[in-house]
PDB file of N, CA and C in Angstrom:
ATOM      1  N   MET A   1       0.820  -1.188   0.000  1.00  0.00           N
ATOM      2  CA  MET A   1       0.000   0.000   0.000  1.00  0.00           C
ATOM      3  C   MET A   1       0.867   1.256   0.000  1.00  0.00           C
ATOM      4  N   LYS A   2       1.838   1.281   0.885  1.00  0.00           N
ATOM      5  CA  LYS A   2       2.698   2.451   1.005  1.00  0.00           C
ATOM      6  C   LYS A   2       3.435   2.716  -0.306  1.00  0.00           C
ATOM      7  N   ALA A   3       3.923   1.658  -0.947  1.00  0.00           N
ATOM      8  CA  ALA A   3       4.658   1.822  -2.201  1.00  0.00           C
ATOM      9  C   ALA A   3       3.777   2.444  -3.283  1.00  0.00           C
ATOM     10  N   ILE A   4       2.515   2.045  -3.330  1.00  0.00           N
ATOM     11  CA  ILE A   4       1.596   2.615  -4.324  1.00  0.00           C
ATOM     12  C   ILE A   4       1.384   4.099  -4.037  1.00  0.00           C
ATOM     13  N   ARG A   5       1.150   4.425  -2.773  1.00  0.00           N
ATOM     14  CA  ARG A   5       0.930   5.827  -2.397  1.00  0.00           C
ATOM     15  C   ARG A   5       2.155   6.668  -2.740  1.00  0.00           C
ATOM     16  N   GLU A   6       3.330   6.169  -2.382  1.00  0.00           N
ATOM     17  CA  GLU A   6       4.557   6.921  -2.641  1.00  0.00           C
ATOM     18  C   GLU A   6       4.834   7.053  -4.137  1.00  0.00           C
ATOM     19  N   ALA A   7       4.529   6.006  -4.910  1.00  0.00           N
ATOM     20  CA  ALA A   7       4.729   6.063  -6.357  1.00  0.00           C
ATOM     21  C   ALA A   7       3.842   7.132  -7.003  1.00  0.00           C
ATOM     22  N   ARG A   8       2.723   7.414  -6.375  1.00  0.00           N
ATOM     23  CA  ARG A   8       1.823   8.447  -6.888  1.00  0.00           C
ATOM     24  C   ARG A   8       2.164   9.830  -6.338  1.00  0.00           C
ATOM     25  N   GLY A   9       3.183   9.893  -5.488  1.00  0.00           N
ATOM     26  CA  GLY A   9       3.621  11.184  -4.960  1.00  0.00           C
ATOM     27  C   GLY A   9       2.656  11.808  -3.968  1.00  0.00           C
ATOM     28  N   ILE A  10       1.914  10.972  -3.256  1.00  0.00           N
ATOM     29  CA  ILE A  10       0.935  11.472  -2.299  1.00  0.00           C
ATOM     30  C   ILE A  10       1.466  11.249  -0.885  1.00  0.00           C
ATOM     31  N   GLY A  11       1.494  12.294  -0.099  1.00  0.00           N
ATOM     32  CA  GLY A  11       1.960  12.201   1.273  1.00  0.00           C
ATOM     33  C   GLY A  11       0.962  11.499   2.171  1.00  0.00           C
ATOM     34  N   LEU A  12       1.474  10.893   3.229  1.00  0.00           N
ATOM     35  CA  LEU A  12       0.642  10.158   4.171  1.00  0.00           C
ATOM     36  C   LEU A  12      -0.424  11.051   4.782  1.00  0.00           C
ATOM     37  N   ARG A  13      -0.048  12.214   5.241  1.00  0.00           N
ATOM     38  CA  ARG A  13      -1.025  13.121   5.872  1.00  0.00           C
ATOM     39  C   ARG A  13      -2.112  13.545   4.884  1.00  0.00           C
ATOM     40  N   ARG A  14      -1.708  13.835   3.668  1.00  0.00           N
ATOM     41  CA  ARG A  14      -2.680  14.258   2.650  1.00  0.00           C
ATOM     42  C   ARG A  14      -3.689  13.145   2.362  1.00  0.00           C
ATOM     43  N   LEU A  15      -3.191  11.917   2.228  1.00  0.00           N
ATOM     44  CA  LEU A  15      -4.091  10.803   1.944  1.00  0.00           C
ATOM     45  C   LEU A  15      -4.990  10.520   3.136  1.00  0.00           C
ATOM     46  N   ALA A  16      -4.434  10.550   4.329  1.00  0.00           N
ATOM     47  CA  ALA A  16      -5.242  10.309   5.528  1.00  0.00           C
ATOM     48  C   ALA A  16      -6.377  11.319   5.614  1.00  0.00           C
ATOM     49  N   GLU A  17      -6.071  12.565   5.360  1.00  0.00           N
ATOM     50  CA  GLU A  17      -7.104  13.601   5.396  1.00  0.00           C
ATOM     51  C   GLU A  17      -8.166  13.356   4.321  1.00  0.00           C
ATOM     52  N   ALA A  18      -7.721  12.979   3.133  1.00  0.00           N
ATOM     53  CA  ALA A  18      -8.649  12.754   2.021  1.00  0.00           C
ATOM     54  C   ALA A  18      -9.608  11.600   2.294  1.00  0.00           C
ATOM     55  N   ILE A  19      -9.148  10.582   3.017  1.00  0.00           N
ATOM     56  CA  ILE A  19     -10.029   9.441   3.271  1.00  0.00           C
ATOM     57  C   ILE A  19     -10.648   9.482   4.663  1.00  0.00           C
ATOM     58  N   GLY A  20     -10.328  10.525   5.409  1.00  0.00           N
ATOM     59  CA  GLY A  20     -10.998  10.760   6.683  1.00  0.00           C
ATOM     60  C   GLY A  20     -10.514   9.927   7.851  1.00  0.00           C
ATOM     61  N   ILE A  21      -9.211   9.626   7.883  1.00  0.00           N
ATOM     62  CA  ILE A  21      -8.669   8.889   9.026  1.00  0.00           C
ATOM     63  C   ILE A  21      -7.442   9.600   9.576  1.00  0.00           C
ATOM     64  N   ASP A  22      -7.039   9.216  10.767  1.00  0.00           N
ATOM     65  CA  ASP A  22      -5.875   9.783  11.427  1.00  0.00           C
ATOM     66  C   ASP A  22      -4.593   9.323  10.723  1.00  0.00           C
ATOM     67  N   PRO A  23      -3.636  10.236  10.504  1.00  0.00           N
ATOM     68  CA  PRO A  23      -2.379   9.841   9.844  1.00  0.00           C
ATOM     69  C   PRO A  23      -1.639   8.716  10.569  1.00  0.00           C
ATOM     70  N   GLY A  24      -1.682   8.711  11.893  1.00  0.00           N
ATOM     71  CA  GLY A  24      -1.031   7.644  12.646  1.00  0.00           C
ATOM     72  C   GLY A  24      -1.666   6.291  12.373  1.00  0.00           C
ATOM     73  N   TYR A  25      -2.985   6.279  12.273  1.00  0.00           N
ATOM     74  CA  TYR A  25      -3.717   5.052  11.955  1.00  0.00           C
ATOM     75  C   TYR A  25      -3.331   4.574  10.560  1.00  0.00           C
ATOM     76  N   LEU A  26      -3.277   5.485   9.590  1.00  0.00           N
ATOM     77  CA  LEU A  26      -2.897   5.116   8.232  1.00  0.00           C
ATOM     78  C   LEU A  26      -1.472   4.572   8.208  1.00  0.00           C
ATOM     79  N   SER A  27      -0.586   5.181   8.937  1.00  0.00           N
ATOM     80  CA  SER A  27       0.795   4.699   8.996  1.00  0.00           C
ATOM     81  C   SER A  27       0.846   3.270   9.528  1.00  0.00           C
ATOM     82  N   ARG A  28       0.094   2.987  10.582  1.00  0.00           N
ATOM     83  CA  ARG A  28       0.077   1.638  11.140  1.00  0.00           C
ATOM     84  C   ARG A  28      -0.503   0.628  10.148  1.00  0.00           C
ATOM     85  N   ILE A  29      -1.512   1.037   9.396  1.00  0.00           N
ATOM     86  CA  ILE A  29      -2.092   0.157   8.374  1.00  0.00           C
ATOM     87  C   ILE A  29      -1.038  -0.155   7.315  1.00  0.00           C
ATOM     88  N   GLU A  30      -0.409   0.880   6.798  1.00  0.00           N
ATOM     89  CA  GLU A  30       0.583   0.700   5.737  1.00  0.00           C
ATOM     90  C   GLU A  30       1.786  -0.128   6.182  1.00  0.00           C
ATOM     91  N   ASN A  31       2.120  -0.066   7.450  1.00  0.00           N
ATOM     92  CA  ASN A  31       3.273  -0.809   7.962  1.00  0.00           C
ATOM     93  C   ASN A  31       2.901  -2.182   8.509  1.00  0.00           C
ATOM     94  N   GLY A  32       1.637  -2.583   8.327  1.00  0.00           N
ATOM     95  CA  GLY A  32       1.201  -3.908   8.734  1.00  0.00           C
ATOM     96  C   GLY A  32       1.042  -4.084  10.229  1.00  0.00           C
ATOM     97  N   GLN A  33       0.980  -2.987  10.958  1.00  0.00           N
ATOM     98  CA  GLN A  33       0.842  -3.062  12.409  1.00  0.00           C
ATOM     99  C   GLN A  33      -0.613  -3.072  12.854  1.00  0.00           C
ATOM    100  N   GLN A  34      -1.507  -2.749  11.948  1.00  0.00           N
ATOM    101  CA  GLN A  34      -2.930  -2.688  12.279  1.00  0.00           C
ATOM    102  C   GLN A  34      -3.732  -2.995  11.026  1.00  0.00           C
ATOM    103  N   GLY A  35      -4.859  -3.660  11.224  1.00  0.00           N
ATOM    104  CA  GLY A  35      -5.748  -3.956  10.113  1.00  0.00           C
ATOM    105  C   GLY A  35      -6.639  -2.761   9.805  1.00  0.00           C
ATOM    106  N   ALA A  36      -7.313  -2.829   8.686  1.00  0.00           N
ATOM    107  CA  ALA A  36      -8.232  -1.760   8.274  1.00  0.00           C
ATOM    108  C   ALA A  36      -9.547  -2.378   7.843  1.00  0.00           C
ATOM    109  N   GLY A  37     -10.616  -1.657   8.077  1.00  0.00           N
ATOM    110  CA  GLY A  37     -11.931  -2.107   7.648  1.00  0.00           C
ATOM    111  C   GLY A  37     -12.098  -1.965   6.144  1.00  0.00           C
ATOM    112  N   ASN A  38     -13.105  -2.638   5.621  1.00  0.00           N
ATOM    113  CA  ASN A  38     -13.365  -2.589   4.183  1.00  0.00           C
ATOM    114  C   ASN A  38     -13.615  -1.170   3.686  1.00  0.00           C
ATOM    115  N   GLY A  39     -14.336  -0.369   4.472  1.00  0.00           N
ATOM    116  CA  GLY A  39     -14.622   0.998   4.056  1.00  0.00           C
ATOM    117  C   GLY A  39     -13.349   1.806   3.893  1.00  0.00           C
ATOM    118  N   THR A  40     -12.447   1.676   4.845  1.00  0.00           N
ATOM    119  CA  THR A  40     -11.167   2.398   4.768  1.00  0.00           C
ATOM    120  C   THR A  40     -10.366   1.930   3.560  1.00  0.00           C
ATOM    121  N   LEU A  41     -10.314   0.621   3.347  1.00  0.00           N
ATOM    122  CA  LEU A  41      -9.556   0.092   2.209  1.00  0.00           C
ATOM    123  C   LEU A  41     -10.144   0.565   0.881  1.00  0.00           C
ATOM    124  N   HIS A  42     -11.456   0.592   0.786  1.00  0.00           N
ATOM    125  CA  HIS A  42     -12.089   1.041  -0.455  1.00  0.00           C
ATOM    126  C   HIS A  42     -11.827   2.534  -0.702  1.00  0.00           C
ATOM    127  N   ARG A  43     -11.891   3.345   0.365  1.00  0.00           N
ATOM    128  CA  ARG A  43     -11.594   4.773   0.197  1.00  0.00           C
ATOM    129  C   ARG A  43     -10.127   4.976  -0.203  1.00  0.00           C
ATOM    130  N   TYR A  44      -9.241   4.194   0.392  1.00  0.00           N
ATOM    131  CA  TYR A  44      -7.807   4.253   0.070  1.00  0.00           C
ATOM    132  C   TYR A  44      -7.607   3.952  -1.419  1.00  0.00           C
ATOM    133  N   ALA A  45      -8.156   2.837  -1.867  1.00  0.00           N
ATOM    134  CA  ALA A  45      -8.016   2.443  -3.269  1.00  0.00           C
ATOM    135  C   ALA A  45      -8.635   3.470  -4.208  1.00  0.00           C
ATOM    136  N   GLU A  46      -9.797   3.966  -3.845  1.00  0.00           N
ATOM    137  CA  GLU A  46     -10.475   4.957  -4.684  1.00  0.00           C
ATOM    138  C   GLU A  46      -9.647   6.243  -4.791  1.00  0.00           C
ATOM    139  N   GLU A  47      -9.117   6.687  -3.679  1.00  0.00           N
ATOM    140  CA  GLU A  47      -8.338   7.928  -3.681  1.00  0.00           C
ATOM    141  C   GLU A  47      -7.065   7.784  -4.511  1.00  0.00           C
ATOM    142  N   LEU A  48      -6.471   6.580  -4.506  1.00  0.00           N
ATOM    143  CA  LEU A  48      -5.251   6.339  -5.288  1.00  0.00           C
ATOM    144  C   LEU A  48      -5.561   5.866  -6.706  1.00  0.00           C
ATOM    145  N   ASN A  49      -6.850   5.691  -6.991  1.00  0.00           N
ATOM    146  CA  ASN A  49      -7.301   5.271  -8.314  1.00  0.00           C
ATOM    147  C   ASN A  49      -6.680   3.932  -8.730  1.00  0.00           C
ATOM    148  N   VAL A  50      -6.763   2.961  -7.801  1.00  0.00           N
ATOM    149  CA  VAL A  50      -6.296   1.609  -8.079  1.00  0.00           C
ATOM    150  C   VAL A  50      -7.403   0.626  -7.716  1.00  0.00           C
ATOM    151  N   PRO A  51      -7.409  -0.558  -8.333  1.00  0.00           N
ATOM    152  CA  PRO A  51      -8.404  -1.560  -7.943  1.00  0.00           C
ATOM    153  C   PRO A  51      -8.148  -2.017  -6.505  1.00  0.00           C
ATOM    154  N   ILE A  52      -9.196  -2.367  -5.803  1.00  0.00           N
ATOM    155  CA  ILE A  52      -9.068  -2.780  -4.410  1.00  0.00           C
ATOM    156  C   ILE A  52      -8.101  -3.945  -4.269  1.00  0.00           C
ATOM    157  N   LYS A  53      -8.078  -4.850  -5.222  1.00  0.00           N
ATOM    158  CA  LYS A  53      -7.178  -6.000  -5.101  1.00  0.00           C
ATOM    159  C   LYS A  53      -5.709  -5.601  -5.210  1.00  0.00           C
ATOM    160  N   ALA A  54      -5.426  -4.411  -5.712  1.00  0.00           N
ATOM    161  CA  ALA A  54      -4.032  -3.945  -5.758  1.00  0.00           C
ATOM    162  C   ALA A  54      -3.486  -3.674  -4.369  1.00  0.00           C
ATOM    163  N   ILE A  55      -4.378  -3.397  -3.421  1.00  0.00           N
ATOM    164  CA  ILE A  55      -3.899  -3.125  -2.064  1.00  0.00           C
ATOM    165  C   ILE A  55      -4.227  -4.247  -1.089  1.00  0.00           C
ATOM    166  N   THR A  56      -5.141  -5.151  -1.454  1.00  0.00           N
ATOM    167  CA  THR A  56      -5.490  -6.246  -0.555  1.00  0.00           C
ATOM    168  C   THR A  56      -4.876  -7.564  -0.997  1.00  0.00           C
ATOM    169  N   HIS A  57      -4.462  -7.637  -2.250  1.00  0.00           N
ATOM    170  CA  HIS A  57      -3.881  -8.851  -2.833  1.00  0.00           C
ATOM    171  C   HIS A  57      -4.861 -10.018  -2.824  1.00  0.00           C
ATOM    172  N   GLU A  58      -6.147  -9.693  -2.789  1.00  0.00           N
ATOM    173  CA  GLU A  58      -7.163 -10.737  -2.850  1.00  0.00           C
ATOM    174  C   GLU A  58      -7.436 -11.100  -4.295  1.00  0.00           C
ATOM    175  N   GLU A  59      -7.705 -12.368  -4.516  1.00  0.00           N
ATOM    176  CA  GLU A  59      -8.064 -12.814  -5.850  1.00  0.00           C
ATOM    177  C   GLU A  59      -9.530 -13.202  -5.862  1.00  0.00           C
ATOM    178  N   THR A  60     -10.177 -12.881  -6.950  1.00  0.00           N
ATOM    179  CA  THR A  60     -11.557 -13.309  -7.120  1.00  0.00           C
ATOM    180  C   THR A  60     -11.512 -14.643  -7.875  1.00  0.00           C
ATOM    181  N   PRO A  61     -12.598 -15.408  -7.852  1.00  0.00           N
ATOM    182  CA  PRO A  61     -12.602 -16.688  -8.602  1.00  0.00           C
ATOM    183  C   PRO A  61     -12.221 -16.493 -10.065  1.00  0.00           C
ATOM    184  N   ARG A  62     -12.629 -15.402 -10.684  1.00  0.00           N
ATOM    185  CA  ARG A  62     -12.286 -15.138 -12.082  1.00  0.00           C
ATOM    186  C   ARG A  62     -10.774 -15.007 -12.260  1.00  0.00           C
ATOM    187  N   ASP A  63     -10.070 -14.409 -11.285  1.00  0.00           N
ATOM    188  CA  ASP A  63      -8.622 -14.241 -11.373  1.00  0.00           C
ATOM    189  C   ASP A  63      -7.891 -15.580 -11.346  1.00  0.00           C
ATOM    190  N   GLN A  64      -8.526 -16.601 -10.804  1.00  0.00           N
ATOM    191  CA  GLN A  64      -7.870 -17.889 -10.655  1.00  0.00           C
ATOM    192  C   GLN A  64      -8.059 -18.787 -11.859  1.00  0.00           C
ATOM    193  N   GLU A  65      -8.835 -18.397 -12.843  1.00  0.00           N
ATOM    194  CA  GLU A  65      -9.082 -19.224 -14.032  1.00  0.00           C
ATOM    195  C   GLU A  65      -7.869 -19.273 -14.922  1.00  0.00           C
TER     196      GLU A  65
END
């Protein structure tokens, strides 16, 4: 997650503000120290304009064909 955000040139504080969470919480999520709810993950992906699976690494049944 952090690599995607940094590749887009978006600062942690700016992204946290845009998705409505505390920067410290976002930092812990990005560093794997804390989990995030689906709503937070979807807002994160939407703000970075990436598919949700790019940040969750989840595969759908279609991806496994």
